[in-house]
Amino acid sequence: MEQTKRANTQRRVEVVATDLPLHCPTPSQALWNTHPRVFLPIEPSGQALCPYCGTLYVLKGDARPRNH
């Protein structure tokens, strides 16, 4: 099943431990209208704000992946 990637118009995104290391734009976002990739340190506070587009990322649950 092919999924269409959408423009980055969402301003608040919830992420989980399997999404780490976190970067913006994320792989699910369309690249044609995005900014350079920037890695965001979300682990210390549970939140990270992208300096380019202002998207707020919120870490949901524990920051440690369960598969280790």
PDB file of N, CA and C in Angstrom:
ATOM      1  N   MET A   1       0.844  -1.176   0.000  1.00  0.00           N
ATOM      2  CA  MET A   1       0.000   0.000   0.000  1.00  0.00           C
ATOM      3  C   MET A   1       0.890   1.241   0.000  1.00  0.00           C
ATOM      4  N   GLU A   2       0.668   2.119  -0.932  1.00  0.00           N
ATOM      5  CA  GLU A   2       1.457   3.338  -1.045  1.00  0.00           C
ATOM      6  C   GLU A   2       0.758   4.471  -0.309  1.00  0.00           C
ATOM      7  N   GLN A   3       1.539   5.186   0.502  1.00  0.00           N
ATOM      8  CA  GLN A   3       0.980   6.327   1.222  1.00  0.00           C
ATOM      9  C   GLN A   3       1.489   7.608   0.589  1.00  0.00           C
ATOM     10  N   THR A   4       0.610   8.571   0.432  1.00  0.00           N
ATOM     11  CA  THR A   4       0.995   9.864  -0.107  1.00  0.00           C
ATOM     12  C   THR A   4       1.582  10.707   1.014  1.00  0.00           C
ATOM     13  N   LYS A   5       2.752  11.276   0.771  1.00  0.00           N
ATOM     14  CA  LYS A   5       3.365  12.154   1.764  1.00  0.00           C
ATOM     15  C   LYS A   5       2.744  13.529   1.636  1.00  0.00           C
ATOM     16  N   ARG A   6       2.448  14.109   2.758  1.00  0.00           N
ATOM     17  CA  ARG A   6       1.760  15.401   2.774  1.00  0.00           C
ATOM     18  C   ARG A   6       2.719  16.523   3.148  1.00  0.00           C
ATOM     19  N   ALA A   7       2.317  17.716   2.791  1.00  0.00           N
ATOM     20  CA  ALA A   7       3.091  18.903   3.160  1.00  0.00           C
ATOM     21  C   ALA A   7       3.110  19.044   4.674  1.00  0.00           C
ATOM     22  N   ASN A   8       4.179  19.634   5.182  1.00  0.00           N
ATOM     23  CA  ASN A   8       4.326  19.814   6.626  1.00  0.00           C
ATOM     24  C   ASN A   8       3.506  21.016   7.079  1.00  0.00           C
ATOM     25  N   THR A   9       2.240  20.762   7.397  1.00  0.00           N
ATOM     26  CA  THR A   9       1.370  21.835   7.864  1.00  0.00           C
ATOM     27  C   THR A   9       0.964  21.634   9.311  1.00  0.00           C
ATOM     28  N   GLN A  10       1.303  20.488   9.865  1.00  0.00           N
ATOM     29  CA  GLN A  10       0.977  20.204  11.261  1.00  0.00           C
ATOM     30  C   GLN A  10       1.988  20.900  12.156  1.00  0.00           C
ATOM     31  N   ARG A  11       1.534  21.585  13.196  1.00  0.00           N
ATOM     32  CA  ARG A  11       2.415  22.353  14.068  1.00  0.00           C
ATOM     33  C   ARG A  11       2.738  21.661  15.382  1.00  0.00           C
ATOM     34  N   ARG A  12       2.059  20.549  15.695  1.00  0.00           N
ATOM     35  CA  ARG A  12       2.344  19.774  16.901  1.00  0.00           C
ATOM     36  C   ARG A  12       2.335  18.307  16.515  1.00  0.00           C
ATOM     37  N   VAL A  13       3.451  17.629  16.780  1.00  0.00           N
ATOM     38  CA  VAL A  13       3.588  16.236  16.382  1.00  0.00           C
ATOM     39  C   VAL A  13       3.998  15.419  17.592  1.00  0.00           C
ATOM     40  N   GLU A  14       3.272  14.337  17.859  1.00  0.00           N
ATOM     41  CA  GLU A  14       3.641  13.423  18.934  1.00  0.00           C
ATOM     42  C   GLU A  14       4.551  12.343  18.353  1.00  0.00           C
ATOM     43  N   VAL A  15       5.653  12.077  19.058  1.00  0.00           N
ATOM     44  CA  VAL A  15       6.598  11.048  18.629  1.00  0.00           C
ATOM     45  C   VAL A  15       6.794  10.053  19.765  1.00  0.00           C
ATOM     46  N   VAL A  16       7.272   8.865  19.419  1.00  0.00           N
ATOM     47  CA  VAL A  16       7.549   7.816  20.399  1.00  0.00           C
ATOM     48  C   VAL A  16       9.020   7.419  20.295  1.00  0.00           C
ATOM     49  N   ALA A  17       9.466   6.583  21.214  1.00  0.00           N
ATOM     50  CA  ALA A  17      10.877   6.197  21.301  1.00  0.00           C
ATOM     51  C   ALA A  17      11.411   5.616  19.996  1.00  0.00           C
ATOM     52  N   THR A  18      10.587   4.914  19.253  1.00  0.00           N
ATOM     53  CA  THR A  18      11.060   4.323  17.997  1.00  0.00           C
ATOM     54  C   THR A  18      11.302   5.374  16.918  1.00  0.00           C
ATOM     55  N   ASP A  19      10.846   6.607  17.119  1.00  0.00           N
ATOM     56  CA  ASP A  19      11.090   7.705  16.176  1.00  0.00           C
ATOM     57  C   ASP A  19      12.443   8.377  16.412  1.00  0.00           C
ATOM     58  N   LEU A  20      13.116   8.017  17.491  1.00  0.00           N
ATOM     59  CA  LEU A  20      14.398   8.642  17.845  1.00  0.00           C
ATOM     60  C   LEU A  20      15.544   8.005  17.083  1.00  0.00           C
ATOM     61  N   PRO A  21      16.600   8.732  16.734  1.00  0.00           N
ATOM     62  CA  PRO A  21      16.780  10.159  16.983  1.00  0.00           C
ATOM     63  C   PRO A  21      15.822  10.983  16.134  1.00  0.00           C
ATOM     64  N   LEU A  22      15.317  12.028  16.735  1.00  0.00           N
ATOM     65  CA  LEU A  22      14.309  12.871  16.099  1.00  0.00           C
ATOM     66  C   LEU A  22      14.953  13.897  15.189  1.00  0.00           C
ATOM     67  N   HIS A  23      14.369  14.049  14.015  1.00  0.00           N
ATOM     68  CA  HIS A  23      14.804  15.118  13.113  1.00  0.00           C
ATOM     69  C   HIS A  23      13.587  15.685  12.408  1.00  0.00           C
ATOM     70  N   CYS A  24      13.732  16.918  12.012  1.00  0.00           N
ATOM     71  CA  CYS A  24      12.694  17.610  11.262  1.00  0.00           C
ATOM     72  C   CYS A  24      13.309  18.049   9.947  1.00  0.00           C
ATOM     73  N   PRO A  25      12.669  17.825   8.833  1.00  0.00           N
ATOM     74  CA  PRO A  25      11.400  17.169   8.645  1.00  0.00           C
ATOM     75  C   PRO A  25      11.515  15.661   8.874  1.00  0.00           C
ATOM     76  N   THR A  26      10.403  15.039   9.232  1.00  0.00           N
ATOM     77  CA  THR A  26      10.374  13.604   9.469  1.00  0.00           C
ATOM     78  C   THR A  26      10.202  12.866   8.140  1.00  0.00           C
ATOM     79  N   PRO A  27      10.493  11.566   8.100  1.00  0.00           N
ATOM     80  CA  PRO A  27      10.366  10.816   6.846  1.00  0.00           C
ATOM     81  C   PRO A  27       8.962  10.818   6.250  1.00  0.00           C
ATOM     82  N   SER A  28       7.945  11.033   7.053  1.00  0.00           N
ATOM     83  CA  SER A  28       6.576  11.017   6.532  1.00  0.00           C
ATOM     84  C   SER A  28       6.163  12.330   5.875  1.00  0.00           C
ATOM     85  N   GLN A  29       7.008  13.336   5.945  1.00  0.00           N
ATOM     86  CA  GLN A  29       6.668  14.639   5.369  1.00  0.00           C
ATOM     87  C   GLN A  29       7.203  14.758   3.947  1.00  0.00           C
ATOM     88  N   ALA A  30       6.464  15.441   3.113  1.00  0.00           N
ATOM     89  CA  ALA A  30       6.889  15.665   1.732  1.00  0.00           C
ATOM     90  C   ALA A  30       8.133  16.545   1.720  1.00  0.00           C
ATOM     91  N   LEU A  31       9.065  16.228   0.857  1.00  0.00           N
ATOM     92  CA  LEU A  31      10.322  16.978   0.825  1.00  0.00           C
ATOM     93  C   LEU A  31      10.289  18.212  -0.067  1.00  0.00           C
ATOM     94  N   TRP A  32       9.304  18.327  -0.909  1.00  0.00           N
ATOM     95  CA  TRP A  32       9.299  19.422  -1.871  1.00  0.00           C
ATOM     96  C   TRP A  32       9.111  20.793  -1.243  1.00  0.00           C
ATOM     97  N   ASN A  33       8.586  20.849  -0.023  1.00  0.00           N
ATOM     98  CA  ASN A  33       8.346  22.160   0.583  1.00  0.00           C
ATOM     99  C   ASN A  33       8.963  22.275   1.974  1.00  0.00           C
ATOM    100  N   THR A  34      10.031  21.544   2.224  1.00  0.00           N
ATOM    101  CA  THR A  34      10.594  21.529   3.568  1.00  0.00           C
ATOM    102  C   THR A  34      11.925  22.264   3.634  1.00  0.00           C
ATOM    103  N   HIS A  35      12.487  22.279   4.811  1.00  0.00           N
ATOM    104  CA  HIS A  35      13.749  22.942   5.093  1.00  0.00           C
ATOM    105  C   HIS A  35      14.852  21.898   5.261  1.00  0.00           C
ATOM    106  N   PRO A  36      16.101  22.307   5.451  1.00  0.00           N
ATOM    107  CA  PRO A  36      17.180  21.337   5.684  1.00  0.00           C
ATOM    108  C   PRO A  36      16.893  20.499   6.933  1.00  0.00           C
ATOM    109  N   ARG A  37      17.354  19.260   6.934  1.00  0.00           N
ATOM    110  CA  ARG A  37      17.142  18.378   8.086  1.00  0.00           C
ATOM    111  C   ARG A  37      17.935  18.879   9.287  1.00  0.00           C
ATOM    112  N   VAL A  38      17.256  18.914  10.420  1.00  0.00           N
ATOM    113  CA  VAL A  38      17.886  19.319  11.674  1.00  0.00           C
ATOM    114  C   VAL A  38      17.497  18.284  12.734  1.00  0.00           C
ATOM    115  N   PHE A  39      18.494  17.799  13.480  1.00  0.00           N
ATOM    116  CA  PHE A  39      18.232  16.848  14.557  1.00  0.00           C
ATOM    117  C   PHE A  39      17.857  17.621  15.820  1.00  0.00           C
ATOM    118  N   LEU A  40      16.841  17.130  16.530  1.00  0.00           N
ATOM    119  CA  LEU A  40      16.287  17.838  17.677  1.00  0.00           C
ATOM    120  C   LEU A  40      16.452  17.023  18.960  1.00  0.00           C
ATOM    121  N   PRO A  41      17.054  17.599  19.993  1.00  0.00           N
ATOM    122  CA  PRO A  41      17.245  16.897  21.272  1.00  0.00           C
ATOM    123  C   PRO A  41      15.964  16.908  22.108  1.00  0.00           C
ATOM    124  N   ILE A  42      15.155  15.890  21.959  1.00  0.00           N
ATOM    125  CA  ILE A  42      13.865  15.848  22.644  1.00  0.00           C
ATOM    126  C   ILE A  42      13.937  15.115  23.981  1.00  0.00           C
ATOM    127  N   GLU A  43      14.941  14.262  24.171  1.00  0.00           N
ATOM    128  CA  GLU A  43      15.012  13.417  25.359  1.00  0.00           C
ATOM    129  C   GLU A  43      15.071  14.177  26.686  1.00  0.00           C
ATOM    130  N   PRO A  44      15.844  15.251  26.820  1.00  0.00           N
ATOM    131  CA  PRO A  44      15.949  15.909  28.133  1.00  0.00           C
ATOM    132  C   PRO A  44      14.632  16.441  28.698  1.00  0.00           C
ATOM    133  N   SER A  45      13.815  17.070  27.861  1.00  0.00           N
ATOM    134  CA  SER A  45      12.600  17.710  28.384  1.00  0.00           C
ATOM    135  C   SER A  45      11.303  17.066  27.913  1.00  0.00           C
ATOM    136  N   GLY A  46      11.395  16.218  26.885  1.00  0.00           N
ATOM    137  CA  GLY A  46      10.181  15.614  26.345  1.00  0.00           C
ATOM    138  C   GLY A  46       9.523  16.457  25.268  1.00  0.00           C
ATOM    139  N   GLN A  47      10.117  17.619  24.957  1.00  0.00           N
ATOM    140  CA  GLN A  47       9.602  18.485  23.905  1.00  0.00           C
ATOM    141  C   GLN A  47      10.765  19.086  23.129  1.00  0.00           C
ATOM    142  N   ALA A  48      10.535  19.363  21.857  1.00  0.00           N
ATOM    143  CA  ALA A  48      11.538  20.026  21.035  1.00  0.00           C
ATOM    144  C   ALA A  48      10.824  20.880  20.002  1.00  0.00           C
ATOM    145  N   LEU A  49      11.361  22.058  19.763  1.00  0.00           N
ATOM    146  CA  LEU A  49      10.791  22.998  18.807  1.00  0.00           C
ATOM    147  C   LEU A  49      11.754  23.138  17.632  1.00  0.00           C
ATOM    148  N   CYS A  50      11.245  22.938  16.426  1.00  0.00           N
ATOM    149  CA  CYS A  50      12.087  23.067  15.240  1.00  0.00           C
ATOM    150  C   CYS A  50      12.403  24.543  15.006  1.00  0.00           C
ATOM    151  N   PRO A  51      13.688  24.883  14.891  1.00  0.00           N
ATOM    152  CA  PRO A  51      14.047  26.287  14.684  1.00  0.00           C
ATOM    153  C   PRO A  51      13.696  26.809  13.284  1.00  0.00           C
ATOM    154  N   TYR A  52      13.454  25.917  12.342  1.00  0.00           N
ATOM    155  CA  TYR A  52      13.123  26.343  10.983  1.00  0.00           C
ATOM    156  C   TYR A  52      11.633  26.595  10.786  1.00  0.00           C
ATOM    157  N   CYS A  53      10.810  25.613  11.150  1.00  0.00           N
ATOM    158  CA  CYS A  53       9.384  25.721  10.826  1.00  0.00           C
ATOM    159  C   CYS A  53       8.490  25.928  12.040  1.00  0.00           C
ATOM    160  N   GLY A  54       9.053  25.809  13.248  1.00  0.00           N
ATOM    161  CA  GLY A  54       8.273  26.050  14.447  1.00  0.00           C
ATOM    162  C   GLY A  54       7.414  24.887  14.898  1.00  0.00           C
ATOM    163  N   THR A  55       7.564  23.718  14.282  1.00  0.00           N
ATOM    164  CA  THR A  55       6.797  22.554  14.698  1.00  0.00           C
ATOM    165  C   THR A  55       7.239  22.121  16.091  1.00  0.00           C
ATOM    166  N   LEU A  56       6.276  21.862  16.954  1.00  0.00           N
ATOM    167  CA  LEU A  56       6.552  21.386  18.303  1.00  0.00           C
ATOM    168  C   LEU A  56       6.422  19.873  18.306  1.00  0.00           C
ATOM    169  N   TYR A  57       7.488  19.203  18.711  1.00  0.00           N
ATOM    170  CA  TYR A  57       7.479  17.748  18.837  1.00  0.00           C
ATOM    171  C   TYR A  57       7.358  17.407  20.304  1.00  0.00           C
ATOM    172  N   VAL A  58       6.455  16.472  20.632  1.00  0.00           N
ATOM    173  CA  VAL A  58       6.207  16.063  22.009  1.00  0.00           C
ATOM    174  C   VAL A  58       6.461  14.564  22.100  1.00  0.00           C
ATOM    175  N   LEU A  59       7.333  14.180  23.028  1.00  0.00           N
ATOM    176  CA  LEU A  59       7.665  12.776  23.216  1.00  0.00           C
ATOM    177  C   LEU A  59       6.595  12.107  24.058  1.00  0.00           C
ATOM    178  N   LYS A  60       6.025  11.060  23.528  1.00  0.00           N
ATOM    179  CA  LYS A  60       4.958  10.329  24.199  1.00  0.00           C
ATOM    180  C   LYS A  60       5.555   9.066  24.813  1.00  0.00           C
ATOM    181  N   GLY A  61       5.440   8.906  26.121  1.00  0.00           N
ATOM    182  CA  GLY A  61       5.951   7.712  26.781  1.00  0.00           C
ATOM    183  C   GLY A  61       7.425   7.828  27.121  1.00  0.00           C
ATOM    184  N   ASP A  62       8.058   6.695  27.323  1.00  0.00           N
ATOM    185  CA  ASP A  62       9.459   6.605  27.715  1.00  0.00           C
ATOM    186  C   ASP A  62      10.374   6.854  26.523  1.00  0.00           C
ATOM    187  N   ALA A  63      11.487   7.539  26.737  1.00  0.00           N
ATOM    188  CA  ALA A  63      12.417   7.856  25.654  1.00  0.00           C
ATOM    189  C   ALA A  63      13.303   6.687  25.277  1.00  0.00           C
ATOM    190  N   ARG A  64      13.329   5.649  26.090  1.00  0.00           N
ATOM    191  CA  ARG A  64      14.175   4.494  25.791  1.00  0.00           C
ATOM    192  C   ARG A  64      13.415   3.470  24.966  1.00  0.00           C
ATOM    193  N   PRO A  65      13.969   3.077  23.813  1.00  0.00           N
ATOM    194  CA  PRO A  65      13.299   2.054  23.006  1.00  0.00           C
ATOM    195  C   PRO A  65      13.181   0.734  23.786  1.00  0.00           C
ATOM    196  N   ARG A  66      12.110   0.020  23.617  1.00  0.00           N
ATOM    197  CA  ARG A  66      11.844  -1.222  24.340  1.00  0.00           C
ATOM    198  C   ARG A  66      12.598  -2.421  23.775  1.00  0.00           C
ATOM    199  N   ASN A  67      13.141  -2.315  22.567  1.00  0.00           N
ATOM    200  CA  ASN A  67      13.769  -3.462  21.931  1.00  0.00           C
ATOM    201  C   ASN A  67      15.249  -3.626  22.272  1.00  0.00           C
ATOM    202  N   HIS A  68      15.763  -2.915  23.226  1.00  0.00           N
ATOM    203  CA  HIS A  68      17.167  -3.067  23.621  1.00  0.00           C
ATOM    204  C   HIS A  68      17.310  -3.859  24.873  1.00  0.00           C
TER     205      HIS A  68
END
